[in-house]
Amino acid sequence: MRHRKVRELMTRDVVRVRQDAPFKEIVRLLTEHQVTALPVVDDQDRPLGVVSEKDLLRKSTDQSGSADLLPLPDPEAWERAKAEGTKAEELMSAPAVCARPEWSVVEAARLMEVQNVKRLPVVDESDKLIGIVSRRDLLGVFLRDDEAIRLEIVQDVLARTLGRDPSSITVEVREGQVVLSGSVPFKGMLAAVDRMCMSVDGVVSVSDHLSFDVDDTA
């Protein structure tokens, strides 16, 4: 089985800013390019951090307003520093959490989950920025064609990995939902078949109606 790589899903034409980019330039670029965040890079085009709309909005919440507004909790020191920042290096979230182009969708998604970020700058072997991948990009695997998913299960999961004759199991895929019917030699194979089908990119769910010849779990 082959998980899609970050290089296949990432955006290559990345809008970025230098570390000394002023506040208003960042806002202008976000608006013009209709993005919610920008990588901040040094003079060698290596990511230092990411500046997002959320980072910039701290400027608004820090401004004094009407006494009728609900009071906000006192900001922590780092939040106050960001609210007072005027350049990208003062406003960004750092350090940059980056991905490599050869990573799989699974690896990138796990890093996003662990680091609680919505996007990952993608860097090459010299740590230079070559792309950016977002949660939305990773979700794109679920737009895979049903027939492509079915063929991958038949050829890679059943035939190549499990060594099964594809004619012994019927695979139907509709809107990413996989239905298996047929038989396997041993009951212990059922969980493995389901698990491997579920790991195919684009699969939403797996429902099996498989029978078995021998109960090897008894």
Protein backbone atom coordinates (compact mmCIF):
# COMPACT_ATOMS: atom_id res chain seq x y z
CA MET A 1 0.00 0.00 0.00
CA ARG A 2 1.17 3.50 -0.75
CA HIS A 3 0.07 6.46 1.32
CA ARG A 4 0.01 9.76 -0.56
CA LYS A 5 3.06 11.91 0.09
CA VAL A 6 3.14 15.47 1.30
CA ARG A 7 4.79 16.50 -1.98
CA GLU A 8 1.66 15.38 -3.84
CA LEU A 9 -0.69 17.48 -1.72
CA MET A 10 1.25 20.57 -0.71
CA THR A 11 0.91 24.04 -2.20
CA ARG A 12 4.18 24.88 -3.93
CA ASP A 13 3.66 28.57 -4.70
CA VAL A 14 3.87 29.73 -1.09
CA VAL A 15 3.20 33.31 -0.08
CA ARG A 16 5.73 34.14 2.64
CA VAL A 17 7.10 37.10 4.55
CA ARG A 18 10.51 38.02 5.86
CA GLN A 19 11.04 38.37 9.56
CA ASP A 20 11.08 42.18 9.35
CA ALA A 21 7.77 42.44 7.42
CA PRO A 22 5.55 45.12 9.02
CA PHE A 23 2.10 44.43 10.45
CA LYS A 24 0.14 46.09 7.63
CA GLU A 25 2.05 44.25 4.91
CA ILE A 26 1.14 40.95 6.55
CA VAL A 27 -2.53 41.93 6.68
CA ARG A 28 -2.42 43.01 3.02
CA LEU A 29 -0.89 39.70 1.88
CA LEU A 30 -3.38 37.63 3.88
CA THR A 31 -6.23 39.57 2.30
CA GLU A 32 -4.90 39.61 -1.27
CA HIS A 33 -4.12 35.90 -1.36
CA GLN A 34 -7.12 34.81 0.73
CA VAL A 35 -5.06 32.75 3.17
CA THR A 36 -5.22 32.64 6.95
CA ALA A 37 -1.50 32.34 7.73
CA LEU A 38 1.94 32.97 6.26
CA PRO A 39 5.31 31.32 6.89
CA VAL A 40 7.94 33.71 8.21
CA VAL A 41 11.38 33.03 6.69
CA ASP A 42 14.93 34.27 7.19
CA ASP A 43 17.30 35.54 4.51
CA GLN A 44 18.06 31.94 3.44
CA ASP A 45 14.34 31.19 3.01
CA ARG A 46 14.28 28.91 6.06
CA PRO A 47 11.04 28.97 8.09
CA LEU A 48 11.30 30.65 11.48
CA GLY A 49 7.62 30.53 12.38
CA VAL A 50 4.09 31.14 11.12
CA VAL A 51 2.05 34.31 11.51
CA SER A 52 -1.72 33.83 11.40
CA GLU A 53 -4.88 35.87 11.61
CA LYS A 54 -5.15 34.76 15.23
CA ASP A 55 -1.73 36.24 15.97
CA LEU A 56 -2.69 39.54 14.37
CA LEU A 57 -6.05 39.77 16.12
CA ARG A 58 -4.28 40.05 19.46
CA LYS A 59 -3.58 43.62 18.37
CA SER A 60 -7.33 44.34 18.35
CA THR A 61 -8.04 42.72 21.71
CA ASP A 62 -5.18 44.67 23.27
CA GLN A 63 -6.61 48.02 22.27
CA SER A 64 -8.64 49.85 24.90
CA GLY A 65 -12.34 49.85 24.15
CA SER A 66 -15.69 50.75 25.58
CA ALA A 67 -16.31 50.26 29.29
CA ASP A 68 -19.43 48.35 28.29
CA LEU A 69 -17.37 45.53 26.80
CA LEU A 70 -16.83 42.38 28.82
CA PRO A 71 -13.40 42.48 30.50
CA LEU A 72 -10.80 40.08 29.10
CA PRO A 73 -8.50 37.98 31.28
CA ASP A 74 -5.11 39.55 31.87
CA PRO A 75 -2.81 38.38 29.05
CA GLU A 76 0.31 36.40 29.75
CA ALA A 77 3.66 38.00 29.02
CA TRP A 78 4.06 36.32 25.63
CA GLU A 79 0.54 37.33 24.60
CA ARG A 80 1.23 40.91 25.61
CA ALA A 81 4.47 40.88 23.60
CA LYS A 82 2.62 39.70 20.51
CA ALA A 83 -0.11 42.30 20.95
CA GLU A 84 2.55 44.99 21.08
CA GLY A 85 4.50 43.56 18.11
CA THR A 86 4.82 45.42 14.83
CA LYS A 87 6.92 43.00 12.73
CA ALA A 88 6.51 39.40 11.64
CA GLU A 89 9.23 38.08 13.96
CA GLU A 90 7.44 39.66 16.94
CA LEU A 91 3.98 38.46 15.92
CA MET A 92 4.63 34.91 14.68
CA SER A 93 4.16 31.62 16.47
CA ALA A 94 7.60 30.04 16.71
CA PRO A 95 9.50 27.87 16.17
CA ALA A 96 8.07 26.67 12.86
CA VAL A 97 6.71 23.11 12.91
CA CYS A 98 7.76 21.72 9.54
CA ALA A 99 7.19 18.65 7.37
CA ARG A 100 9.31 16.92 4.74
CA PRO A 101 8.02 16.31 1.19
CA GLU A 102 8.59 12.53 1.46
CA TRP A 103 6.36 12.19 4.52
CA SER A 104 3.07 10.36 4.18
CA VAL A 105 -0.33 11.88 4.83
CA VAL A 106 -0.45 9.90 8.07
CA GLU A 107 2.85 11.31 9.36
CA ALA A 108 1.83 14.90 8.55
CA ALA A 109 -1.61 14.49 10.13
CA ARG A 110 -0.11 13.03 13.32
CA LEU A 111 2.32 15.93 13.66
CA MET A 112 -0.49 18.45 13.18
CA GLU A 113 -2.50 16.69 15.87
CA VAL A 114 0.38 16.48 18.36
CA GLN A 115 1.47 20.09 17.81
CA ASN A 116 -2.11 21.41 17.50
CA VAL A 117 -1.38 23.31 14.29
CA LYS A 118 -3.48 23.74 11.15
CA ARG A 119 -0.67 23.83 8.61
CA LEU A 120 2.95 22.75 8.15
CA PRO A 121 5.62 24.52 6.10
CA VAL A 122 7.40 21.93 3.97
CA VAL A 123 11.19 22.10 3.78
CA ASP A 124 13.86 20.37 1.73
CA GLU A 125 17.08 18.73 2.95
CA SER A 126 18.67 22.16 3.51
CA ASP A 127 15.63 23.33 5.51
CA LYS A 128 14.54 25.79 2.82
CA LEU A 129 10.83 26.39 2.29
CA ILE A 130 9.44 24.53 -0.74
CA GLY A 131 5.73 24.32 0.08
CA ILE A 132 3.01 24.30 2.69
CA VAL A 133 0.43 21.65 3.55
CA SER A 134 -2.79 22.31 5.45
CA ARG A 135 -5.47 20.24 7.12
CA ARG A 136 -7.67 20.87 4.09
CA ASP A 137 -4.94 19.48 1.79
CA LEU A 138 -4.75 16.29 3.84
CA LEU A 139 -8.52 15.90 3.76
CA GLY A 140 -8.23 15.90 -0.03
CA VAL A 141 -7.38 12.18 0.06
CA PHE A 142 -11.04 11.55 0.85
CA LEU A 143 -11.93 12.89 -2.59
CA ARG A 144 -10.23 9.92 -4.23
CA ASP A 145 -12.25 8.11 -6.87
CA ASP A 146 -14.09 5.04 -5.53
CA GLU A 147 -12.71 2.84 -8.30
CA ALA A 148 -9.14 3.87 -7.47
CA ILE A 149 -9.76 2.89 -3.84
CA ARG A 150 -11.29 -0.44 -4.88
CA LEU A 151 -8.36 -1.29 -7.15
CA GLU A 152 -5.85 -0.47 -4.43
CA ILE A 153 -7.62 -2.77 -1.98
CA VAL A 154 -7.88 -5.60 -4.51
CA GLN A 155 -4.35 -5.33 -5.86
CA ASP A 156 -2.31 -4.11 -2.89
CA VAL A 157 -4.18 -5.31 0.20
CA LEU A 158 -5.68 -8.60 -0.94
CA ALA A 159 -3.36 -9.84 -3.66
CA ARG A 160 0.07 -8.39 -2.88
CA THR A 161 0.03 -8.04 0.92
CA LEU A 162 -2.27 -10.86 2.04
CA GLY A 163 -1.63 -13.19 -0.91
CA ARG A 164 -5.34 -13.75 -1.46
CA ASP A 165 -6.96 -14.58 -4.77
CA PRO A 166 -8.94 -11.38 -5.47
CA SER A 167 -11.84 -13.48 -6.77
CA SER A 168 -12.38 -14.88 -3.24
CA ILE A 169 -13.40 -11.47 -1.86
CA THR A 170 -15.73 -8.98 -3.50
CA VAL A 171 -14.89 -5.34 -2.84
CA GLU A 172 -17.49 -2.63 -3.30
CA VAL A 173 -16.77 1.06 -2.66
CA ARG A 174 -19.30 3.86 -2.58
CA GLU A 175 -18.43 7.36 -1.37
CA GLY A 176 -15.34 5.94 0.31
CA GLN A 177 -17.33 3.32 2.24
CA VAL A 178 -15.97 -0.17 1.65
CA VAL A 179 -18.09 -3.33 1.78
CA LEU A 180 -16.32 -6.73 1.73
CA SER A 181 -18.00 -10.05 1.03
CA GLY A 182 -16.62 -13.52 0.42
CA SER A 183 -14.45 -15.77 2.56
CA VAL A 184 -11.00 -16.08 4.14
CA PRO A 185 -9.25 -19.24 5.35
CA PHE A 186 -8.97 -18.26 9.01
CA LYS A 187 -11.06 -16.22 11.41
CA GLY A 188 -7.94 -14.46 12.67
CA MET A 189 -7.53 -12.80 9.27
CA LEU A 190 -10.77 -10.84 9.54
CA ALA A 191 -9.45 -8.08 11.79
CA ALA A 192 -6.28 -7.75 9.69
CA VAL A 193 -8.25 -7.41 6.46
CA ASP A 194 -10.48 -4.73 7.96
CA ARG A 195 -7.55 -2.84 9.45
CA MET A 196 -5.53 -2.84 6.25
CA CYS A 197 -8.49 -1.73 4.15
CA MET A 198 -9.16 1.08 6.61
CA SER A 199 -5.56 2.28 6.22
CA VAL A 200 -5.99 2.88 2.48
CA ASP A 201 -6.07 6.59 1.69
CA GLY A 202 -9.62 7.81 1.08
CA VAL A 203 -11.44 5.02 2.95
CA VAL A 204 -14.17 6.39 5.23
CA SER A 205 -15.41 3.10 6.71
CA VAL A 206 -15.13 -0.67 6.27
CA SER A 207 -18.00 -3.12 6.64
CA ASP A 208 -17.26 -6.80 6.12
CA HIS A 209 -19.59 -9.71 5.52
CA LEU A 210 -16.77 -12.20 5.31
CA SER A 211 -17.01 -15.83 6.34
CA PHE A 212 -14.11 -18.07 7.36
CA ASP A 213 -13.21 -21.72 6.96
CA VAL A 214 -11.34 -22.36 10.21
CA ASP A 215 -11.69 -20.70 13.61
CA ASP A 216 -8.03 -20.39 14.56
CA THR A 217 -8.85 -18.17 17.54
CA ALA A 218 -10.63 -20.89 19.55
